[in-house]
Amino acid sequence: MKRISAFLVVALALNTAFFAQNNSNKELTIEQCVNTLNVENSQSTKVGYQYWFADKEFLDGRTLKLSVVEPHKATHEPHKHEEDEFFFVLEGTAEFFLNGETVVAGPYTSFYCPPNSLHGIRNVGDTELKYLVIKKYNLSDK
């Protein structure tokens, strides 16, 4: 669990660095800036659960989400969207699909999804797959 905490801190720092050009002037308290995983507050999915450390309303569309996927399942089929996205594998074995090609990798691997690319991630292992999703939503589309 200590490794996960350390990587969450790193991921949040990366999230901030990658999207710093859209920096928000919002005043935040330390309580608003600390979010510890609470599985009771997670959202169930058909294949596991997800937990939003930062949802798109927190700042300016920047998000950080933990996805947990049961063995041999995927949260959804490959898809496209205008935003780019990062996946960072914490535990398990992931198959990453990008524009017709696949790669299988384990913990401490990142996958980048360029804008408008057909992409997906699935659990190809016998244990839970846990990965972070780092994405910035375009809030002007509201």
C-alpha atoms as a PDB file:
ATOM      1  CA  MET A   1       0.000   0.000   0.000  1.00  0.00           C
ATOM      2  CA  LYS A   2       2.939   2.350   0.646  1.00  0.00           C
ATOM      3  CA  ARG A   3       4.035   1.908  -2.977  1.00  0.00           C
ATOM      4  CA  ILE A   4       0.554   2.813  -4.196  1.00  0.00           C
ATOM      5  CA  SER A   5       0.527   5.956  -2.034  1.00  0.00           C
ATOM      6  CA  ALA A   6       3.913   7.027  -3.346  1.00  0.00           C
ATOM      7  CA  PHE A   7       2.826   6.504  -6.934  1.00  0.00           C
ATOM      8  CA  LEU A   8      -0.411   8.402  -6.363  1.00  0.00           C
ATOM      9  CA  VAL A   9       1.639  11.372  -5.205  1.00  0.00           C
ATOM     10  CA  VAL A  10       3.882  11.068  -8.278  1.00  0.00           C
ATOM     11  CA  ALA A  11       0.867  10.721 -10.569  1.00  0.00           C
ATOM     12  CA  LEU A  12      -0.835  13.762  -9.117  1.00  0.00           C
ATOM     13  CA  ALA A  13       2.382  15.730  -9.549  1.00  0.00           C
ATOM     14  CA  LEU A  14       2.598  14.565 -13.175  1.00  0.00           C
ATOM     15  CA  ASN A  15      -1.035  15.493 -13.694  1.00  0.00           C
ATOM     16  CA  THR A  16      -0.315  19.003 -12.443  1.00  0.00           C
ATOM     17  CA  ALA A  17       2.870  19.334 -14.503  1.00  0.00           C
ATOM     18  CA  PHE A  18       1.360  18.067 -17.768  1.00  0.00           C
ATOM     19  CA  PHE A  19      -1.590  20.417 -17.593  1.00  0.00           C
ATOM     20  CA  ALA A  20      -0.020  23.423 -15.874  1.00  0.00           C
ATOM     21  CA  GLN A  21      -0.713  25.664 -18.865  1.00  0.00           C
ATOM     22  CA  ASN A  22      -4.374  25.724 -17.749  1.00  0.00           C
ATOM     23  CA  ASN A  23      -3.547  26.572 -14.156  1.00  0.00           C
ATOM     24  CA  SER A  24      -6.515  27.509 -12.017  1.00  0.00           C
ATOM     25  CA  ASN A  25      -6.539  30.516  -9.692  1.00  0.00           C
ATOM     26  CA  LYS A  26      -8.965  28.737  -7.366  1.00  0.00           C
ATOM     27  CA  GLU A  27      -8.096  29.061  -3.665  1.00  0.00           C
ATOM     28  CA  LEU A  28      -7.984  25.640  -2.010  1.00  0.00           C
ATOM     29  CA  THR A  29      -7.526  24.493   1.568  1.00  0.00           C
ATOM     30  CA  ILE A  30      -5.195  21.655   2.524  1.00  0.00           C
ATOM     31  CA  GLU A  31      -8.264  19.529   3.299  1.00  0.00           C
ATOM     32  CA  GLN A  32      -9.423  19.987  -0.303  1.00  0.00           C
ATOM     33  CA  CYS A  33      -5.974  19.051  -1.600  1.00  0.00           C
ATOM     34  CA  VAL A  34      -5.646  15.714   0.221  1.00  0.00           C
ATOM     35  CA  ASN A  35      -7.715  12.727  -0.886  1.00  0.00           C
ATOM     36  CA  THR A  36      -7.055   9.270   0.569  1.00  0.00           C
ATOM     37  CA  LEU A  37      -8.572   6.208  -1.067  1.00  0.00           C
ATOM     38  CA  ASN A  38     -11.849   5.254   0.600  1.00  0.00           C
ATOM     39  CA  VAL A  39     -13.319   2.192  -1.126  1.00  0.00           C
ATOM     40  CA  GLU A  40     -16.703   2.938   0.473  1.00  0.00           C
ATOM     41  CA  ASN A  41     -16.826   6.113  -1.647  1.00  0.00           C
ATOM     42  CA  SER A  42     -15.823   4.357  -4.869  1.00  0.00           C
ATOM     43  CA  GLN A  43     -18.134   3.825  -7.821  1.00  0.00           C
ATOM     44  CA  SER A  44     -18.933   0.246  -8.800  1.00  0.00           C
ATOM     45  CA  THR A  45     -18.485  -0.748 -12.419  1.00  0.00           C
ATOM     46  CA  LYS A  46     -19.534  -3.925 -14.235  1.00  0.00           C
ATOM     47  CA  VAL A  47     -15.993  -5.281 -13.825  1.00  0.00           C
ATOM     48  CA  GLY A  48     -14.710  -3.739 -10.581  1.00  0.00           C
ATOM     49  CA  TYR A  49     -14.708  -0.196  -9.247  1.00  0.00           C
ATOM     50  CA  GLN A  50     -13.260   3.261  -9.749  1.00  0.00           C
ATOM     51  CA  TYR A  51     -12.272   5.999  -7.332  1.00  0.00           C
ATOM     52  CA  TRP A  52     -11.869   9.639  -8.319  1.00  0.00           C
ATOM     53  CA  PHE A  53      -9.009  11.331  -6.504  1.00  0.00           C
ATOM     54  CA  ALA A  54      -9.734  14.443  -8.567  1.00  0.00           C
ATOM     55  CA  ASP A  55     -12.823  14.669 -10.760  1.00  0.00           C
ATOM     56  CA  LYS A  56     -13.236  17.167 -13.616  1.00  0.00           C
ATOM     57  CA  GLU A  57     -15.023  19.645 -11.348  1.00  0.00           C
ATOM     58  CA  PHE A  58     -12.151  19.824  -8.826  1.00  0.00           C
ATOM     59  CA  LEU A  59     -10.001  22.250 -10.796  1.00  0.00           C
ATOM     60  CA  ASP A  60     -10.248  22.901 -14.499  1.00  0.00           C
ATOM     61  CA  GLY A  61     -10.990  19.497 -15.964  1.00  0.00           C
ATOM     62  CA  ARG A  62      -7.806  17.773 -14.752  1.00  0.00           C
ATOM     63  CA  THR A  63      -8.598  14.364 -13.314  1.00  0.00           C
ATOM     64  CA  LEU A  64      -6.962  11.505 -11.484  1.00  0.00           C
ATOM     65  CA  LYS A  65      -8.855   8.227 -11.154  1.00  0.00           C
ATOM     66  CA  LEU A  66      -8.020   4.763  -9.850  1.00  0.00           C
ATOM     67  CA  SER A  67      -9.581   1.939 -11.876  1.00  0.00           C
ATOM     68  CA  VAL A  68      -9.724  -1.600 -10.523  1.00  0.00           C
ATOM     69  CA  VAL A  69     -10.631  -4.359 -12.983  1.00  0.00           C
ATOM     70  CA  GLU A  70     -11.375  -8.029 -12.301  1.00  0.00           C
ATOM     71  CA  PRO A  71      -9.198 -10.708 -13.955  1.00  0.00           C
ATOM     72  CA  HIS A  72      -9.666 -11.179 -17.720  1.00  0.00           C
ATOM     73  CA  LYS A  73     -12.053  -8.215 -18.098  1.00  0.00           C
ATOM     74  CA  ALA A  74     -12.078  -4.651 -19.446  1.00  0.00           C
ATOM     75  CA  THR A  75     -14.062  -1.619 -18.382  1.00  0.00           C
ATOM     76  CA  HIS A  76     -15.125  -0.978 -22.000  1.00  0.00           C
ATOM     77  CA  GLU A  77     -14.180  -1.655 -25.601  1.00  0.00           C
ATOM     78  CA  PRO A  78     -11.502   0.447 -27.330  1.00  0.00           C
ATOM     79  CA  HIS A  79     -12.756   3.965 -28.015  1.00  0.00           C
ATOM     80  CA  LYS A  80     -11.691   7.467 -29.078  1.00  0.00           C
ATOM     81  CA  HIS A  81     -12.072  10.927 -27.589  1.00  0.00           C
ATOM     82  CA  GLU A  82     -10.579  14.361 -28.237  1.00  0.00           C
ATOM     83  CA  GLU A  83      -8.607  14.467 -24.984  1.00  0.00           C
ATOM     84  CA  ASP A  84      -5.295  12.723 -24.513  1.00  0.00           C
ATOM     85  CA  GLU A  85      -4.969  10.348 -21.583  1.00  0.00           C
ATOM     86  CA  PHE A  86      -2.384   8.489 -19.510  1.00  0.00           C
ATOM     87  CA  PHE A  87      -2.730   5.104 -17.816  1.00  0.00           C
ATOM     88  CA  PHE A  88      -0.279   4.101 -15.090  1.00  0.00           C
ATOM     89  CA  VAL A  89      -0.313   0.446 -13.977  1.00  0.00           C
ATOM     90  CA  LEU A  90       0.010  -0.057 -10.216  1.00  0.00           C
ATOM     91  CA  GLU A  91      -0.786  -3.779  -9.908  1.00  0.00           C
ATOM     92  CA  GLY A  92      -1.631  -6.640 -12.230  1.00  0.00           C
ATOM     93  CA  THR A  93      -1.101  -7.313 -15.928  1.00  0.00           C
ATOM     94  CA  ALA A  94      -2.555  -4.959 -18.522  1.00  0.00           C
ATOM     95  CA  GLU A  95      -2.996  -5.279 -22.246  1.00  0.00           C
ATOM     96  CA  PHE A  96      -2.869  -1.837 -23.843  1.00  0.00           C
ATOM     97  CA  PHE A  97      -4.489  -1.371 -27.240  1.00  0.00           C
ATOM     98  CA  LEU A  98      -3.535   1.639 -29.376  1.00  0.00           C
ATOM     99  CA  ASN A  99      -4.622   2.091 -32.993  1.00  0.00           C
ATOM    100  CA  GLY A 100      -4.632  -1.621 -33.844  1.00  0.00           C
ATOM    101  CA  GLU A 101      -1.525  -2.649 -31.894  1.00  0.00           C
ATOM    102  CA  THR A 102      -1.253  -4.188 -28.419  1.00  0.00           C
ATOM    103  CA  VAL A 103       1.366  -4.549 -25.738  1.00  0.00           C
ATOM    104  CA  VAL A 104       1.212  -6.405 -22.410  1.00  0.00           C
ATOM    105  CA  ALA A 105       2.912  -4.888 -19.373  1.00  0.00           C
ATOM    106  CA  GLY A 106       2.906  -4.982 -15.593  1.00  0.00           C
ATOM    107  CA  PRO A 107       3.316  -2.614 -12.666  1.00  0.00           C
ATOM    108  CA  TYR A 108       5.062   0.737 -12.991  1.00  0.00           C
ATOM    109  CA  THR A 109       4.336   1.027 -16.702  1.00  0.00           C
ATOM    110  CA  SER A 110       2.664   4.030 -18.278  1.00  0.00           C
ATOM    111  CA  PHE A 111       0.609   4.081 -21.456  1.00  0.00           C
ATOM    112  CA  TYR A 112      -0.101   7.286 -23.373  1.00  0.00           C
ATOM    113  CA  CYS A 113      -3.181   7.743 -25.538  1.00  0.00           C
ATOM    114  CA  PRO A 114      -2.831  10.652 -27.999  1.00  0.00           C
ATOM    115  CA  PRO A 115      -5.980  12.643 -28.828  1.00  0.00           C
ATOM    116  CA  ASN A 116      -8.454  10.912 -31.168  1.00  0.00           C
ATOM    117  CA  SER A 117      -6.584   7.586 -31.054  1.00  0.00           C
ATOM    118  CA  LEU A 118      -8.443   4.289 -30.744  1.00  0.00           C
ATOM    119  CA  HIS A 119      -7.322   2.942 -27.367  1.00  0.00           C
ATOM    120  CA  GLY A 120      -8.237   0.643 -24.513  1.00  0.00           C
ATOM    121  CA  ILE A 121      -6.850  -1.256 -21.570  1.00  0.00           C
ATOM    122  CA  ARG A 122      -7.860  -4.684 -20.262  1.00  0.00           C
ATOM    123  CA  ASN A 123      -6.826  -7.048 -17.510  1.00  0.00           C
ATOM    124  CA  VAL A 124      -5.139 -10.113 -19.015  1.00  0.00           C
ATOM    125  CA  GLY A 125      -3.917 -11.459 -15.672  1.00  0.00           C
ATOM    126  CA  ASP A 126      -5.300 -13.713 -12.946  1.00  0.00           C
ATOM    127  CA  THR A 127      -5.372 -10.961 -10.282  1.00  0.00           C
ATOM    128  CA  GLU A 128      -7.010  -7.541 -10.096  1.00  0.00           C
ATOM    129  CA  LEU A 129      -5.612  -4.866 -12.386  1.00  0.00           C
ATOM    130  CA  LYS A 130      -5.184  -1.488 -10.670  1.00  0.00           C
ATOM    131  CA  TYR A 131      -4.221   1.530 -12.723  1.00  0.00           C
ATOM    132  CA  LEU A 132      -4.423   5.288 -12.602  1.00  0.00           C
ATOM    133  CA  VAL A 133      -6.101   7.323 -15.322  1.00  0.00           C
ATOM    134  CA  ILE A 134      -4.810  10.865 -15.800  1.00  0.00           C
ATOM    135  CA  LYS A 135      -6.850  13.020 -18.150  1.00  0.00           C
ATOM    136  CA  LYS A 136      -7.901  16.618 -18.720  1.00  0.00           C
ATOM    137  CA  TYR A 137     -11.469  17.097 -19.890  1.00  0.00           C
ATOM    138  CA  ASN A 138     -12.372  20.025 -22.119  1.00  0.00           C
ATOM    139  CA  LEU A 139     -14.871  21.911 -19.956  1.00  0.00           C
ATOM    140  CA  SER A 140     -15.771  24.360 -22.721  1.00  0.00           C
ATOM    141  CA  ASP A 141     -17.936  21.587 -24.230  1.00  0.00           C
ATOM    142  CA  LYS A 142     -20.465  21.884 -21.367  1.00  0.00           C
END
